[in-house]
Amino acid sequence: MDLPDELDLPESRWHRPPQPDEPDIPDASWNRFREAKPESPWPRRLAAVLSMIVVVPMAYAMPAAAESRSAPSVQKETPVKGTKVPIRPAMADPAGKQAWKAPPTVTWPKPQTVELGGEAKAATLASGFPITLAPREGASAKAAAAADPVKVELLDTDRLGLALRVSPGQGVATAKAAGKTRLRVDYSGFRYAYGGDYGARLRVVKLEECALDAKAADCAPPEPVKTDNNAKDGTLTADFEANGLYALTAAASGPSGDHSATSLAPSADWSVGTQTGDFTWSYEMRTPPALGGDEPEFGLGYSSQSVDGRTSSTNNQASWVGEGFDLNPGGFIERRYKSCMLDGKKTGDLCWDQDNAVLSLGSSSVELVKDATTKQWRPKRDDGTRIEALTGATNGDNNGEYWRVTTPDGTQYTFGLNRLPGWVSGK
């Protein structure tokens, strides 16, 4: 079917000239949308729903809040009126009599030569000479004075101590000079020349002649001689050969203890924190063995960080084993208090807060928690340890409070008991 030609279209009012008598009425073919059609309500409803979906998640949700309540009542405390404490006179110091008021006088003997022994010589001290003849065991002083004479020469050397040379006296045959002579040396004048109980550590050593030369090399070390040291009288006695070089030197140890230098032995552990710079050192000490092998572990520990962390507002007193060291063989139970300023008190004192305690035992520290129902104390990290808060001890507390701790292996520790079982018989 062929499309109609434009000229074949129906004649409209636009293709013909207007008639003067004909009214101006719009063509009905161009005004077919003049009448309103009914609108559907769904587009508006859908727009409202989409708006709510987009806007609602963007709205601010108010957080949940507990119901308000009134503030608790403030703890009321009555100040205690203080009184002046009378000052008592200081008690006499029992060690004051033995304390030195001034450094002791030290007198070294002058270099000199004295011949001891013989019929005309007495076994007494010469003028300022500290060496005399001493009797042998079982012999009398008269026999010592009648012995063959010996010549003793005190040398002026740079050695630390007293150096002397012993040689045969005049008229003594060579055969007799091969024996030994017992001499007594009085060191009371220089017993306090050095510290560490210097006099009690003195001993006699035999030297080679090269020992007097400071530049000598490959010289034999001193040879100790059996010496009887009487620290109370300040004398020592030994047997000297008639031809020999001797010296009085202090040993590393003596009756008062060992004064030799100690090193970081393999039994001690030390480490350095690469991040904090903390130097730690520990040393395990030996304890007497017990039946069943239940001897306690005892050690000494040092930490430089424990010293660096102290401030002016803390207790900076050093422990009983020294600065930076820590030694708590028995542990402790501590109760903590809160500042009174939290209760509205303008004071720096501490006030009671609630029942609380912290147990420090061995190498661990744990907070103790009190059960409100059973009134039983338990560790916060409960490992089976039994905690008992008891009363009735004689320790100066108002009700004699003390604690008993029983570990899972059955070991019991008491804190604050003061009078342990058997204290009457052991005092």
Protein backbone atom coordinates (compact mmCIF):
# COMPACT_ATOMS: atom_id res chain seq x y z
CA MET A 1 0.00 0.00 0.00
CA ASP A 2 1.47 3.34 -1.01
CA LEU A 3 1.80 6.10 1.48
CA PRO A 4 -0.62 8.94 0.88
CA ASP A 5 0.68 12.01 -0.67
CA GLU A 6 0.85 15.21 1.37
CA LEU A 7 -1.66 16.77 -0.95
CA ASP A 8 -4.10 13.96 -0.25
CA LEU A 9 -4.33 14.73 3.45
CA PRO A 10 -7.62 15.96 4.78
CA GLU A 11 -8.04 19.61 4.43
CA SER A 12 -7.52 21.40 7.62
CA ARG A 13 -8.10 24.86 8.71
CA TRP A 14 -4.44 25.64 8.21
CA HIS A 15 -4.58 24.83 4.48
CA ARG A 16 -7.50 26.97 3.61
CA PRO A 17 -8.15 30.59 4.06
CA PRO A 18 -10.21 31.55 7.02
CA GLN A 19 -13.87 32.30 6.48
CA PRO A 20 -15.12 35.54 7.85
CA ASP A 21 -18.24 34.05 9.33
CA GLU A 22 -16.63 30.92 10.74
CA PRO A 23 -15.62 31.03 14.47
CA ASP A 24 -12.02 30.42 15.48
CA ILE A 25 -12.25 26.93 16.94
CA PRO A 26 -9.12 24.84 17.50
CA ASP A 27 -8.76 21.79 15.43
CA ALA A 28 -9.88 18.74 17.30
CA SER A 29 -7.06 16.66 15.82
CA TRP A 30 -4.43 18.78 17.58
CA ASN A 31 -6.22 18.97 20.94
CA ARG A 32 -6.69 15.30 21.65
CA PHE A 33 -4.87 15.71 24.99
CA ARG A 34 -7.24 18.39 26.14
CA GLU A 35 -9.10 16.11 28.47
CA ALA A 36 -7.12 15.08 31.70
CA LYS A 37 -6.47 11.40 32.19
CA PRO A 38 -6.61 9.83 35.67
CA GLU A 39 -3.13 9.72 37.45
CA SER A 40 -1.78 6.55 39.17
CA PRO A 41 -0.84 6.94 42.94
CA TRP A 42 2.08 4.49 42.79
CA PRO A 43 4.81 6.86 41.55
CA ARG A 44 4.26 9.15 44.54
CA ARG A 45 4.19 6.24 46.94
CA LEU A 46 7.40 4.80 45.46
CA ALA A 47 9.15 8.18 45.72
CA ALA A 48 8.22 8.45 49.40
CA VAL A 49 9.53 4.95 50.15
CA LEU A 50 12.84 5.57 48.38
CA SER A 51 13.30 8.86 50.23
CA MET A 52 12.90 7.12 53.58
CA ILE A 53 15.38 4.38 52.61
CA VAL A 54 18.03 6.97 51.73
CA VAL A 55 17.48 9.43 54.59
CA VAL A 56 16.88 7.13 57.59
CA PRO A 57 20.46 5.60 57.72
CA MET A 58 21.88 9.11 57.69
CA ALA A 59 19.98 10.13 60.83
CA TYR A 60 22.08 10.38 64.16
CA ALA A 61 21.22 7.65 66.66
CA MET A 62 21.31 8.72 70.29
CA PRO A 63 23.51 6.43 72.47
CA ALA A 64 21.98 4.44 75.27
CA ALA A 65 22.42 5.99 78.69
CA ALA A 66 21.86 4.61 82.16
CA GLU A 67 19.33 6.14 84.41
CA SER A 68 20.78 9.00 86.42
CA ARG A 69 21.22 8.57 90.14
CA SER A 70 22.30 10.72 93.03
CA ALA A 71 25.97 10.93 94.03
CA PRO A 72 27.04 8.67 96.93
CA SER A 73 27.59 10.18 100.31
CA VAL A 74 31.08 11.40 101.11
CA GLN A 75 32.97 9.54 103.82
CA LYS A 76 33.11 11.65 106.94
CA GLU A 77 36.26 11.56 109.01
CA THR A 78 36.99 13.30 112.26
CA PRO A 79 40.45 14.89 112.37
CA VAL A 80 42.67 13.63 115.15
CA LYS A 81 44.22 16.35 117.23
CA GLY A 82 47.95 15.84 117.54
CA THR A 83 50.11 16.54 120.54
CA LYS A 84 53.78 17.27 120.88
CA VAL A 85 55.97 14.22 121.27
CA PRO A 86 58.64 14.59 123.96
CA ILE A 87 62.15 14.29 122.63
CA ARG A 88 64.07 11.60 124.43
CA PRO A 89 67.84 11.77 124.77
CA ALA A 90 69.76 9.67 122.32
CA MET A 91 70.76 6.24 123.57
CA ALA A 92 74.42 5.44 123.99
CA ASP A 93 75.91 3.82 120.93
CA PRO A 94 77.46 0.49 121.96
CA ALA A 95 79.83 0.69 119.02
CA GLY A 96 80.93 4.21 119.91
CA LYS A 97 83.72 2.96 122.15
CA GLN A 98 85.24 0.94 119.32
CA ALA A 99 84.74 3.59 116.65
CA TRP A 100 87.82 5.46 115.53
CA LYS A 101 87.78 9.14 116.32
CA ALA A 102 90.79 9.74 114.09
CA PRO A 103 92.81 7.68 111.58
CA PRO A 104 95.21 5.29 113.37
CA THR A 105 98.87 6.13 113.42
CA VAL A 106 101.02 4.11 110.99
CA THR A 107 104.73 3.75 111.74
CA TRP A 108 106.95 1.79 109.39
CA PRO A 109 110.33 0.57 110.74
CA LYS A 110 113.39 2.36 109.41
CA PRO A 111 115.93 0.51 107.28
CA GLN A 112 118.66 -0.83 109.61
CA THR A 113 120.71 -3.94 110.39
CA VAL A 114 120.69 -5.74 113.75
CA GLU A 115 122.37 -8.95 114.86
CA LEU A 116 120.23 -11.15 117.07
CA GLY A 117 121.18 -14.09 119.30
CA GLY A 118 124.41 -15.21 120.94
CA GLU A 119 125.55 -15.23 124.56
CA ALA A 120 125.82 -11.48 124.81
CA LYS A 121 122.63 -10.66 122.96
CA ALA A 122 119.15 -10.71 124.42
CA ALA A 123 116.02 -11.69 122.52
CA THR A 124 114.44 -8.33 123.16
CA LEU A 125 113.55 -5.54 120.81
CA ALA A 126 116.39 -3.27 119.84
CA SER A 127 115.78 0.45 119.48
CA GLY A 128 112.78 0.59 117.12
CA PHE A 129 113.62 -2.81 115.63
CA PRO A 130 110.49 -5.00 115.24
CA ILE A 131 112.16 -8.44 114.93
CA THR A 132 113.24 -10.74 117.77
CA LEU A 133 114.28 -14.35 118.17
CA ALA A 134 111.37 -16.66 118.92
CA PRO A 135 111.60 -20.02 120.73
CA ARG A 136 110.73 -23.14 118.84
CA GLU A 137 107.82 -25.28 119.90
CA GLY A 138 108.57 -26.85 123.27
CA ALA A 139 111.67 -24.68 123.88
CA SER A 140 112.11 -21.77 126.29
CA ALA A 141 112.91 -18.13 125.55
CA LYS A 142 116.35 -18.61 127.18
CA ALA A 143 117.20 -21.28 124.64
CA ALA A 144 116.15 -18.94 121.82
CA ALA A 145 118.43 -16.18 123.14
CA ALA A 146 121.38 -18.59 123.29
CA ALA A 147 120.96 -19.68 119.68
CA ASP A 148 123.48 -18.91 117.00
CA PRO A 149 123.39 -15.25 116.09
CA VAL A 150 121.78 -14.10 112.87
CA LYS A 151 121.94 -10.78 111.11
CA VAL A 152 118.64 -9.23 110.03
CA GLU A 153 118.64 -6.31 107.62
CA LEU A 154 115.51 -4.25 106.91
CA LEU A 155 115.58 -3.08 103.29
CA ASP A 156 114.38 0.16 101.79
CA THR A 157 112.39 -0.97 98.73
CA ASP A 158 109.28 0.03 96.84
CA ARG A 159 107.57 -3.27 97.58
CA LEU A 160 104.16 -3.22 99.22
CA GLY A 161 105.09 -4.41 102.72
CA LEU A 162 108.24 -5.02 104.74
CA ALA A 163 111.29 -6.59 103.06
CA LEU A 164 114.19 -8.09 105.04
CA ARG A 165 117.34 -10.10 104.46
CA VAL A 166 118.51 -12.80 106.89
CA SER A 167 122.17 -13.88 106.97
CA PRO A 168 124.46 -15.70 109.46
CA GLY A 169 125.88 -13.68 112.32
CA GLN A 170 129.52 -13.13 113.08
CA GLY A 171 131.48 -16.23 113.98
CA VAL A 172 128.86 -18.67 112.70
CA ALA A 173 130.28 -21.55 110.69
CA THR A 174 128.98 -22.25 107.22
CA ALA A 175 127.66 -25.65 108.22
CA LYS A 176 125.56 -24.19 111.03
CA ALA A 177 124.31 -21.40 108.79
CA ALA A 178 122.44 -23.92 106.66
CA GLY A 179 119.78 -24.33 109.36
CA LYS A 180 116.67 -22.24 110.05
CA THR A 181 116.10 -19.58 112.67
CA ARG A 182 112.68 -18.84 114.15
CA LEU A 183 111.92 -15.11 114.25
CA ARG A 184 109.01 -13.06 115.50
CA VAL A 185 108.01 -9.87 113.64
CA ASP A 186 106.01 -7.14 115.39
CA TYR A 187 103.73 -5.41 112.86
CA SER A 188 101.55 -3.53 115.35
CA GLY A 189 102.98 -0.22 114.16
CA PHE A 190 101.72 -0.63 110.59
CA ARG A 191 98.82 -3.07 110.95
CA TYR A 192 96.35 -0.37 109.83
CA ALA A 193 98.43 0.86 106.90
CA TYR A 194 95.82 -0.52 104.47
CA GLY A 195 92.18 -1.58 104.65
CA GLY A 196 90.55 -4.98 104.57
CA ASP A 197 92.07 -6.05 107.92
CA TYR A 198 95.57 -5.72 106.49
CA GLY A 199 97.43 -6.84 109.60
CA ALA A 200 95.49 -10.08 110.01
CA ARG A 201 96.25 -11.02 106.39
CA LEU A 202 100.02 -10.56 106.65
CA ARG A 203 102.24 -13.55 105.90
CA VAL A 204 105.92 -14.26 105.18
CA VAL A 205 107.04 -15.04 101.62
CA LYS A 206 110.48 -15.91 100.31
CA LEU A 207 111.78 -13.88 97.38
CA GLU A 208 114.47 -14.25 94.77
CA GLU A 209 117.16 -11.59 94.50
CA CYS A 210 115.70 -10.43 91.21
CA ALA A 211 112.53 -9.38 93.04
CA LEU A 212 114.28 -6.21 94.26
CA ASP A 213 114.81 -5.08 90.68
CA ALA A 214 111.64 -3.55 89.24
CA LYS A 215 112.90 -4.03 85.68
CA ALA A 216 113.70 -7.71 86.11
CA ALA A 217 111.73 -10.11 83.93
CA ASP A 218 110.91 -13.79 84.36
CA CYS A 219 111.46 -13.58 88.11
CA ALA A 220 110.08 -16.48 90.13
CA PRO A 221 106.90 -15.70 92.07
CA PRO A 222 107.07 -15.34 95.87
CA GLU A 223 107.10 -18.61 97.78
CA PRO A 224 104.79 -18.60 100.84
CA VAL A 225 106.32 -19.59 104.16
CA LYS A 226 104.31 -21.22 106.93
CA THR A 227 103.42 -18.35 109.25
CA ASP A 228 101.68 -18.09 112.62
CA ASN A 229 99.86 -14.74 112.73
CA ASN A 230 98.64 -13.49 116.10
CA ALA A 231 96.25 -10.70 115.07
CA LYS A 232 95.45 -9.81 118.68
CA ASP A 233 99.08 -9.06 119.63
CA GLY A 234 100.06 -7.87 116.14
CA THR A 235 102.91 -10.36 115.69
CA LEU A 236 103.72 -13.18 113.32
CA THR A 237 106.25 -15.99 113.70
CA ALA A 238 107.99 -18.07 111.00
CA ASP A 239 111.15 -20.05 110.31
CA PHE A 240 113.76 -18.15 108.26
CA GLU A 241 116.73 -19.62 106.45
CA ALA A 242 120.06 -18.05 107.35
CA ASN A 243 120.68 -16.96 103.77
CA GLY A 244 117.50 -15.67 102.23
CA LEU A 245 115.42 -12.68 101.15
CA TYR A 246 111.96 -12.38 102.69
CA ALA A 247 109.02 -10.01 102.74
CA LEU A 248 105.81 -9.46 104.68
CA THR A 249 102.89 -9.25 102.26
CA ALA A 250 99.13 -9.44 102.72
CA ALA A 251 97.29 -12.49 101.44
CA ALA A 252 93.95 -12.22 99.64
CA SER A 253 92.06 -13.76 102.58
CA GLY A 254 92.32 -13.82 106.33
CA PRO A 255 90.33 -14.45 109.51
CA SER A 256 87.88 -11.65 108.65
CA GLY A 257 87.02 -13.03 105.22
CA ASP A 258 88.07 -13.22 101.61
CA HIS A 259 89.09 -9.86 100.11
CA SER A 260 90.12 -11.11 96.70
CA ALA A 261 88.50 -9.64 93.60
CA THR A 262 85.45 -11.47 92.34
CA SER A 263 84.53 -11.72 88.68
CA LEU A 264 81.34 -12.52 86.80
CA ALA A 265 81.56 -16.25 87.29
CA PRO A 266 79.67 -18.69 85.03
CA SER A 267 77.26 -19.25 87.92
CA ALA A 268 76.01 -15.68 87.53
CA ASP A 269 73.75 -14.52 84.70
CA TRP A 270 73.80 -11.05 83.21
CA SER A 271 72.07 -9.43 80.29
CA VAL A 272 71.50 -6.01 78.71
CA GLY A 273 68.22 -4.83 77.20
CA THR A 274 68.95 -3.59 73.68
CA GLN A 275 65.81 -1.43 73.61
CA THR A 276 65.79 -0.04 77.17
CA GLY A 277 69.49 -0.17 78.09
CA ASP A 278 68.65 -1.99 81.33
CA PHE A 279 71.54 -3.99 82.80
CA THR A 280 70.45 -6.98 84.88
CA TRP A 281 72.62 -9.34 86.86
CA SER A 282 71.67 -12.28 89.05
CA TYR A 283 73.65 -14.63 91.24
CA GLU A 284 72.28 -17.86 92.65
CA MET A 285 73.44 -18.72 96.17
CA ARG A 286 73.89 -22.16 97.59
CA THR A 287 71.58 -23.28 100.39
CA PRO A 288 72.08 -26.23 102.75
CA PRO A 289 70.63 -29.43 101.30
CA ALA A 290 67.41 -30.71 102.85
CA LEU A 291 65.84 -34.12 103.16
CA GLY A 292 63.88 -34.90 100.03
CA GLY A 293 65.54 -32.13 98.03
CA ASP A 294 63.20 -29.33 99.14
CA GLU A 295 65.89 -26.75 99.84
CA PRO A 296 64.78 -23.19 98.97
CA GLU A 297 66.06 -21.30 95.97
CA PHE A 298 68.00 -18.23 97.02
CA GLY A 299 69.51 -15.62 94.73
CA LEU A 300 70.55 -12.01 94.40
CA GLY A 301 69.37 -9.81 91.54
CA TYR A 302 70.41 -6.39 90.23
CA SER A 303 68.65 -4.07 87.78
CA SER A 304 69.92 -0.64 86.75
CA GLN A 305 66.44 0.25 85.49
CA SER A 306 65.04 0.00 89.01
CA VAL A 307 67.31 2.89 90.01
CA ASP A 308 66.57 4.99 86.94
CA GLY A 309 62.82 4.71 87.52
CA ARG A 310 62.87 6.33 90.94
CA THR A 311 61.57 9.86 91.33
CA SER A 312 61.43 12.42 94.12
CA SER A 313 57.83 11.44 94.94
CA THR A 314 58.61 7.79 95.73
CA ASN A 315 60.44 5.95 98.47
CA ASN A 316 64.03 6.01 97.20
CA GLN A 317 65.56 4.10 100.08
CA ALA A 318 67.98 1.43 98.90
CA SER A 319 67.21 -2.17 99.72
CA TRP A 320 69.00 -4.01 102.49
CA VAL A 321 71.46 -5.55 100.01
CA GLY A 322 72.44 -2.36 98.15
CA GLU A 323 71.39 0.15 95.53
CA GLY A 324 69.78 -1.51 92.53
CA PHE A 325 69.63 -4.93 94.20
CA ASP A 326 66.47 -6.68 95.30
CA LEU A 327 66.23 -9.49 97.85
CA ASN A 328 62.80 -10.58 99.10
CA PRO A 329 63.25 -14.09 100.46
CA GLY A 330 59.98 -14.05 102.38
CA GLY A 331 57.72 -11.80 100.29
CA PHE A 332 55.05 -9.52 101.72
CA ILE A 333 51.33 -8.68 101.68
CA GLU A 334 50.52 -5.03 101.07
CA ARG A 335 47.29 -3.06 101.47
CA ARG A 336 46.72 -0.02 99.30
CA TYR A 337 44.89 3.19 100.17
CA LYS A 338 43.46 5.98 98.05
CA SER A 339 44.09 9.68 98.27
CA CYS A 340 41.81 11.55 100.67
CA MET A 341 41.34 14.24 98.01
CA LEU A 342 39.03 11.83 96.16
CA ASP A 343 36.65 12.17 99.12
CA GLY A 344 36.81 15.95 99.07
CA LYS A 345 39.49 16.29 101.75
CA LYS A 346 42.10 18.91 101.00
CA THR A 347 44.98 16.91 102.40
CA GLY A 348 47.76 14.75 101.10
CA ASP A 349 46.94 11.85 103.44
CA LEU A 350 45.70 8.43 102.37
CA CYS A 351 42.25 7.17 103.33
CA TRP A 352 40.60 3.77 103.55
CA ASP A 353 38.88 2.68 100.37
CA GLN A 354 37.86 -0.97 100.63
CA ASP A 355 39.23 -4.39 101.51
CA ASN A 356 42.16 -5.00 99.20
CA ALA A 357 45.55 -6.70 99.32
CA VAL A 358 48.44 -7.57 97.02
CA LEU A 359 50.60 -10.67 97.59
CA SER A 360 54.25 -10.65 96.53
CA LEU A 361 55.81 -14.07 97.00
CA GLY A 362 58.75 -15.55 95.19
CA SER A 363 59.00 -14.27 91.65
CA SER A 364 55.33 -13.32 91.21
CA SER A 365 52.94 -10.66 92.44
CA VAL A 366 49.17 -11.09 92.37
CA GLU A 367 46.19 -9.09 93.58
CA LEU A 368 43.96 -10.70 96.21
CA VAL A 369 40.17 -10.54 95.83
CA LYS A 370 37.70 -10.96 98.70
CA ASP A 371 34.51 -12.95 98.08
CA ALA A 372 31.60 -10.84 99.33
CA THR A 373 29.54 -13.94 100.18
CA THR A 374 32.03 -16.31 101.84
CA LYS A 375 34.47 -13.59 102.99
CA GLN A 376 37.24 -15.78 101.59
CA TRP A 377 40.31 -14.26 99.95
CA ARG A 378 41.51 -15.70 96.65
CA PRO A 379 44.21 -14.75 94.15
CA LYS A 380 42.95 -12.88 91.11
CA ARG A 381 44.74 -15.52 89.03
CA ASP A 382 43.52 -18.43 91.10
CA ASP A 383 46.06 -21.26 90.98
CA GLY A 384 44.79 -23.14 94.02
CA THR A 385 46.67 -21.10 96.62
CA ARG A 386 44.76 -20.81 99.89
CA ILE A 387 44.68 -17.33 101.47
CA GLU A 388 43.58 -16.88 105.09
CA ALA A 389 43.17 -13.53 106.87
CA LEU A 390 43.35 -14.31 110.61
CA THR A 391 43.39 -12.32 113.84
CA GLY A 392 44.74 -12.76 117.35
CA ALA A 393 48.48 -12.34 116.79
CA THR A 394 50.69 -10.30 119.10
CA ASN A 395 52.02 -7.87 116.54
CA GLY A 396 50.84 -4.43 117.69
CA ASP A 397 47.77 -4.32 115.43
CA ASN A 398 44.37 -3.40 116.92
CA ASN A 399 43.00 -6.91 116.33
CA GLY A 400 46.26 -8.77 115.72
CA GLU A 401 45.63 -9.29 112.02
CA TYR A 402 47.98 -11.67 110.20
CA TRP A 403 47.89 -13.78 107.04
CA ARG A 404 48.56 -17.41 106.21
CA VAL A 405 49.27 -18.51 102.64
CA THR A 406 49.27 -22.20 101.64
CA THR A 407 50.62 -23.01 98.18
CA PRO A 408 49.32 -25.96 96.12
CA ASP A 409 52.37 -28.05 97.11
CA GLY A 410 51.51 -27.66 100.83
CA THR A 411 54.11 -25.03 101.79
CA GLN A 412 52.79 -22.52 104.32
CA TYR A 413 53.88 -18.89 104.69
CA THR A 414 52.81 -16.55 107.50
CA PHE A 415 52.87 -12.74 107.33
CA GLY A 416 52.60 -10.58 110.45
CA LEU A 417 52.41 -13.43 112.99
CA ASN A 418 55.48 -12.05 114.83
CA ARG A 419 55.65 -14.92 117.35
CA LEU A 420 56.22 -18.08 115.36
CA PRO A 421 55.76 -21.55 116.84
CA GLY A 422 58.62 -22.28 119.22
CA TRP A 423 59.46 -18.64 119.90
CA VAL A 424 59.44 -19.15 123.68
CA SER A 425 62.06 -21.89 123.68
CA GLY A 426 64.16 -20.19 121.03
CA LYS A 427 64.41 -16.72 122.50
